[in-house]
Amino acid sequence: MLVLLPIAGLRKSSSSTKLWTAATAPPFGSHLWSATYDRDLRDVLDVQTDVARQIGKALALELLRD
């Protein structure tokens, strides 16, 4: 069974917001996937939905690749 550990971070400046996400596979910390997203955070729920969809698609492609 594959276990994924999600990791995320957020950096905000006066003009932009950068969100980074990654997935690792414990116990060895194998880096499976990562991405960075630049977004306007006026509507946080739209950003959350959009980024979650993109992460799901990317991980599905990565996991189904083998």
Protein backbone atom coordinates (compact mmCIF):
# COMPACT_ATOMS: atom_id res chain seq x y z
CA MET A 1 0.00 0.00 0.00
CA LEU A 2 1.32 3.42 -0.99
CA VAL A 3 1.04 6.12 1.68
CA LEU A 4 1.40 9.75 0.61
CA LEU A 5 2.38 12.57 2.90
CA PRO A 6 1.20 15.95 1.54
CA ILE A 7 3.28 19.05 2.22
CA ALA A 8 2.29 22.62 1.34
CA GLY A 9 3.41 26.17 1.87
CA LEU A 10 2.25 29.69 1.06
CA ARG A 11 4.24 32.83 0.33
CA LYS A 12 2.52 36.17 -0.01
CA SER A 13 3.86 39.51 -1.12
CA SER A 14 1.97 42.74 -1.70
CA SER A 15 1.29 41.84 -5.33
CA SER A 16 1.20 38.05 -5.54
CA THR A 17 0.68 34.80 -3.72
CA LYS A 18 2.66 31.64 -4.40
CA LEU A 19 1.43 28.25 -3.21
CA TRP A 20 3.67 25.19 -3.37
CA THR A 21 2.63 21.62 -2.80
CA ALA A 22 4.47 18.32 -2.70
CA ALA A 23 3.82 14.66 -2.02
CA THR A 24 6.34 12.31 -0.47
CA ALA A 25 6.14 8.59 0.26
CA PRO A 26 7.24 7.72 3.80
CA PRO A 27 9.12 6.08 5.45
CA PHE A 28 12.03 6.90 3.15
CA GLY A 29 10.83 10.37 2.15
CA SER A 30 10.82 9.58 -1.57
CA HIS A 31 9.82 12.71 -3.43
CA LEU A 32 6.91 11.75 -5.67
CA TRP A 33 5.62 15.04 -7.01
CA SER A 34 5.64 18.83 -6.50
CA ALA A 35 4.25 21.97 -8.12
CA THR A 36 4.02 25.72 -7.59
CA TYR A 37 0.94 27.83 -8.27
CA ASP A 38 0.72 31.62 -8.56
CA ARG A 39 -2.75 32.82 -7.62
CA ASP A 40 -4.84 35.85 -6.72
CA LEU A 41 -6.41 35.07 -3.35
CA ARG A 42 -9.50 37.28 -3.65
CA ASP A 43 -11.69 34.17 -3.63
CA VAL A 44 -9.91 31.60 -1.49
CA LEU A 45 -12.51 28.87 -2.09
CA ASP A 46 -12.06 29.11 -5.88
CA VAL A 47 -8.30 28.86 -5.44
CA GLN A 48 -8.69 25.86 -3.12
CA THR A 49 -10.97 24.06 -5.60
CA ASP A 50 -8.76 24.80 -8.60
CA VAL A 51 -5.50 23.77 -6.92
CA ALA A 52 -7.06 20.61 -5.44
CA ARG A 53 -8.25 19.55 -8.91
CA GLN A 54 -4.83 20.18 -10.43
CA ILE A 55 -3.11 18.23 -7.65
CA GLY A 56 -5.54 15.33 -8.08
CA LYS A 57 -4.95 15.18 -11.83
CA ALA A 58 -1.17 15.39 -11.46
CA LEU A 59 -1.02 12.69 -8.80
CA ALA A 60 -3.37 10.40 -10.74
CA LEU A 61 -1.08 10.67 -13.77
CA GLU A 62 2.00 10.04 -11.62
CA LEU A 63 0.50 7.06 -9.79
CA LEU A 64 -1.07 5.47 -12.89
CA ARG A 65 2.14 5.90 -14.89
CA ASP A 66 3.58 2.61 -13.63
